[in-house]
C-alpha atoms as a PDB file:
ATOM      1  CA  MET A   1      15.959 -18.297 -24.115  1.00  0.00           C
ATOM      2  CA  LYS A   2      15.192 -18.611 -20.488  1.00  0.00           C
ATOM      3  CA  LEU A   3      11.557 -17.988 -19.341  1.00  0.00           C
ATOM      4  CA  PHE A   4      11.085 -16.867 -16.001  1.00  0.00           C
ATOM      5  CA  LEU A   5       7.456 -17.435 -14.486  1.00  0.00           C
ATOM      6  CA  ASP A   6       6.871 -15.535 -11.412  1.00  0.00           C
ATOM      7  CA  THR A   7       3.410 -15.054  -9.774  1.00  0.00           C
ATOM      8  CA  ALA A   8       2.572 -11.912 -12.127  1.00  0.00           C
ATOM      9  CA  ASN A   9       3.294 -13.852 -15.249  1.00  0.00           C
ATOM     10  CA  LEU A  10       1.226 -16.869 -13.831  1.00  0.00           C
ATOM     11  CA  GLU A  11      -1.826 -14.923 -13.272  1.00  0.00           C
ATOM     12  CA  GLU A  12      -1.499 -13.181 -16.763  1.00  0.00           C
ATOM     13  CA  ILE A  13      -1.233 -16.796 -18.461  1.00  0.00           C
ATOM     14  CA  ARG A  14      -4.102 -18.013 -16.220  1.00  0.00           C
ATOM     15  CA  SER A  15      -6.004 -14.929 -17.219  1.00  0.00           C
ATOM     16  CA  ILE A  16      -5.469 -15.336 -21.103  1.00  0.00           C
ATOM     17  CA  LYS A  17      -6.491 -19.120 -20.821  1.00  0.00           C
ATOM     18  CA  LYS A  18      -9.630 -18.150 -19.393  1.00  0.00           C
ATOM     19  CA  TRP A  19     -10.466 -15.683 -21.843  1.00  0.00           C
ATOM     20  CA  GLY A  20      -9.674 -17.959 -24.457  1.00  0.00           C
ATOM     21  CA  VAL A  21     -11.930 -20.570 -23.087  1.00  0.00           C
ATOM     22  CA  LEU A  22     -14.680 -18.060 -22.838  1.00  0.00           C
ATOM     23  CA  GLY A  23     -14.118 -16.800 -26.298  1.00  0.00           C
ATOM     24  CA  GLY A  24     -14.055 -20.363 -27.550  1.00  0.00           C
ATOM     25  CA  LEU A  25     -17.470 -21.340 -25.822  1.00  0.00           C
ATOM     26  CA  TYR A  26     -18.882 -18.034 -27.306  1.00  0.00           C
ATOM     27  CA  LEU A  27     -17.866 -18.839 -30.758  1.00  0.00           C
ATOM     28  CA  LEU A  28     -18.980 -22.264 -30.480  1.00  0.00           C
ATOM     29  CA  LEU A  29     -22.452 -20.937 -29.292  1.00  0.00           C
ATOM     30  CA  VAL A  30     -22.370 -18.342 -32.165  1.00  0.00           C
ATOM     31  CA  TRP A  31     -21.769 -21.032 -34.854  1.00  0.00           C
ATOM     32  CA  TRP A  32     -24.563 -23.257 -33.300  1.00  0.00           C
ATOM     33  CA  GLY A  33     -27.015 -20.240 -33.425  1.00  0.00           C
ATOM     34  CA  PRO A  34     -29.861 -21.761 -31.447  1.00  0.00           C
ATOM     35  CA  THR A  35     -32.023 -18.630 -31.229  1.00  0.00           C
ATOM     36  CA  HIS A  36     -32.806 -15.926 -33.669  1.00  0.00           C
ATOM     37  CA  ALA A  37     -30.749 -13.197 -31.818  1.00  0.00           C
ATOM     38  CA  LEU A  38     -27.498 -15.451 -32.312  1.00  0.00           C
ATOM     39  CA  GLN A  39     -28.152 -15.491 -36.153  1.00  0.00           C
ATOM     40  CA  THR A  40     -28.224 -11.535 -36.429  1.00  0.00           C
ATOM     41  CA  TRP A  41     -25.133  -9.415 -35.930  1.00  0.00           C
ATOM     42  CA  TRP A  42     -26.669  -6.897 -33.196  1.00  0.00           C
ATOM     43  CA  GLY A  43     -27.693 -10.321 -31.254  1.00  0.00           C
ATOM     44  CA  ILE A  44     -24.253 -11.555 -31.565  1.00  0.00           C
ATOM     45  CA  LEU A  45     -22.518  -8.364 -30.673  1.00  0.00           C
ATOM     46  CA  LEU A  46     -24.927  -7.675 -27.810  1.00  0.00           C
ATOM     47  CA  LEU A  47     -24.425 -11.187 -26.323  1.00  0.00           C
ATOM     48  CA  GLY A  48     -20.529 -10.799 -26.632  1.00  0.00           C
ATOM     49  CA  GLY A  49     -20.548  -7.408 -24.992  1.00  0.00           C
ATOM     50  CA  LEU A  50     -22.579  -8.520 -22.121  1.00  0.00           C
ATOM     51  CA  LEU A  51     -20.521 -11.866 -21.924  1.00  0.00           C
ATOM     52  CA  ALA A  52     -17.463  -9.767 -21.657  1.00  0.00           C
ATOM     53  CA  LEU A  53     -18.762  -7.386 -19.306  1.00  0.00           C
ATOM     54  CA  GLY A  54     -20.039 -10.021 -16.882  1.00  0.00           C
ATOM     55  CA  PHE A  55     -16.933 -12.089 -16.937  1.00  0.00           C
ATOM     56  CA  GLU A  56     -14.829  -8.962 -16.503  1.00  0.00           C
ATOM     57  CA  ALA A  57     -16.921  -8.013 -13.507  1.00  0.00           C
ATOM     58  CA  LEU A  58     -16.597 -11.189 -11.946  1.00  0.00           C
ATOM     59  CA  ARG A  59     -12.892 -11.566 -12.454  1.00  0.00           C
ATOM     60  CA  ARG A  60     -12.393  -8.203 -10.726  1.00  0.00           C
ATOM     61  CA  ALA A  61     -14.520  -9.436  -7.741  1.00  0.00           C
ATOM     62  CA  MET A  62     -12.448 -12.359  -7.381  1.00  0.00           C
ATOM     63  CA  VAL A  63      -9.273 -10.328  -7.505  1.00  0.00           C
ATOM     64  CA  ARG A  64     -10.736  -8.249  -4.676  1.00  0.00           C
ATOM     65  CA  GLU A  65     -11.719 -11.069  -2.571  1.00  0.00           C
ATOM     66  CA  PHE A  66      -8.888 -13.247  -3.253  1.00  0.00           C
ATOM     67  CA  PRO A  67      -5.704 -10.970  -3.966  1.00  0.00           C
ATOM     68  CA  PRO A  68      -3.042 -12.536  -6.136  1.00  0.00           C
ATOM     69  CA  GLY A  69      -0.654 -14.350  -3.864  1.00  0.00           C
ATOM     70  CA  SER A  70      -2.958 -14.777  -0.996  1.00  0.00           C
ATOM     71  CA  LEU A  71      -2.955 -18.706  -1.707  1.00  0.00           C
ATOM     72  CA  ALA A  72       0.569 -18.818  -2.375  1.00  0.00           C
ATOM     73  CA  THR A  73       1.206 -17.167   1.118  1.00  0.00           C
ATOM     74  CA  ALA A  74      -1.461 -19.528   2.851  1.00  0.00           C
ATOM     75  CA  GLU A  75       0.365 -22.688   1.166  1.00  0.00           C
ATOM     76  CA  ALA A  76       3.690 -21.457   2.313  1.00  0.00           C
ATOM     77  CA  ASN A  77       2.565 -21.533   5.787  1.00  0.00           C
ATOM     78  CA  GLY A  78       1.725 -25.262   5.351  1.00  0.00           C
ATOM     79  CA  ASN A  79      -1.882 -26.812   5.188  1.00  0.00           C
ATOM     80  CA  GLY A  80      -3.573 -23.639   4.066  1.00  0.00           C
ATOM     81  CA  ALA A  81      -3.006 -21.845   7.260  1.00  0.00           C
ATOM     82  CA  PRO A  82      -3.796 -18.146   7.360  1.00  0.00           C
ATOM     83  CA  PRO A  83      -0.690 -15.831   7.129  1.00  0.00           C
ATOM     84  CA  PRO A  84       0.872 -14.664  10.542  1.00  0.00           C
ATOM     85  CA  LEU A  85      -0.573 -11.579  11.826  1.00  0.00           C
ATOM     86  CA  ASP A  86       1.317  -8.484  12.986  1.00  0.00           C
ATOM     87  CA  ARG A  87       0.083  -8.888  16.659  1.00  0.00           C
ATOM     88  CA  SER A  88       2.041 -10.450  19.438  1.00  0.00           C
ATOM     89  CA  PRO A  89       1.054 -13.728  20.764  1.00  0.00           C
ATOM     90  CA  ALA A  90      -0.381 -11.940  24.093  1.00  0.00           C
ATOM     91  CA  GLU A  91      -2.472  -9.470  21.969  1.00  0.00           C
ATOM     92  CA  GLU A  92      -3.966 -12.417  19.944  1.00  0.00           C
ATOM     93  CA  LEU A  93      -4.736 -14.333  23.244  1.00  0.00           C
ATOM     94  CA  ALA A  94      -6.430 -11.410  24.741  1.00  0.00           C
ATOM     95  CA  ARG A  95      -8.510 -10.862  21.390  1.00  0.00           C
ATOM     96  CA  LEU A  96      -9.528 -14.653  21.700  1.00  0.00           C
ATOM     97  CA  ASN A  97     -10.372 -14.151  25.188  1.00  0.00           C
ATOM     98  CA  GLU A  98     -12.831 -11.287  24.453  1.00  0.00           C
ATOM     99  CA  LEU A  99     -14.509 -13.492  21.384  1.00  0.00           C
ATOM    100  CA  HIS A 100     -14.711 -16.322  23.767  1.00  0.00           C
ATOM    101  CA  THR A 101     -16.504 -14.437  26.501  1.00  0.00           C
ATOM    102  CA  ALA A 102     -18.623 -12.838  24.109  1.00  0.00           C
ATOM    103  CA  GLY A 103     -19.877 -16.059  22.852  1.00  0.00           C
ATOM    104  CA  GLN A 104     -18.793 -15.384  19.255  1.00  0.00           C
ATOM    105  CA  ILE A 105     -16.704 -18.684  19.278  1.00  0.00           C
ATOM    106  CA  THR A 106     -17.058 -22.026  20.839  1.00  0.00           C
ATOM    107  CA  ASP A 107     -14.947 -23.568  23.568  1.00  0.00           C
ATOM    108  CA  GLU A 108     -13.307 -26.013  21.002  1.00  0.00           C
ATOM    109  CA  GLU A 109     -12.795 -23.134  18.689  1.00  0.00           C
ATOM    110  CA  TYR A 110     -10.939 -21.164  21.323  1.00  0.00           C
ATOM    111  CA  ALA A 111      -8.931 -24.113  22.336  1.00  0.00           C
ATOM    112  CA  LYS A 112      -7.928 -24.727  18.881  1.00  0.00           C
ATOM    113  CA  ALA A 113      -7.110 -20.996  18.087  1.00  0.00           C
ATOM    114  CA  LYS A 114      -5.225 -20.749  21.672  1.00  0.00           C
ATOM    115  CA  GLN A 115      -2.899 -23.889  20.604  1.00  0.00           C
ATOM    116  CA  LEU A 116      -2.221 -22.148  17.087  1.00  0.00           C
ATOM    117  CA  VAL A 117      -1.243 -18.765  18.798  1.00  0.00           C
ATOM    118  CA  LEU A 118       1.152 -20.578  21.050  1.00  0.00           C
ATOM    119  CA  ALA A 119       2.550 -22.957  18.584  1.00  0.00           C
END
């Protein structure tokens, strides 16, 4: 049987691994039982629920900020460069000039960005 691993499958496998690590650490903490709350059924359930809720909220925030495939796109462009824009080089140069004249980017940043646009 041949297994095809595309980015969706890899993300799912990574997610399962992360949940597995979190679950393992949680079980270790419950087994150790350093506090009275982790020695009672309600404390164990409460901590488990809050831990799962926080972990899922963090995962969703990460997916929103760094969508799946954004790293792969950056790596495909070489050296982690951002993906190409839908603007023409002339529009991008005009935007860079506006940023430079407004003082939002330095001379060095302007020169470097200009070289990237013209390359």
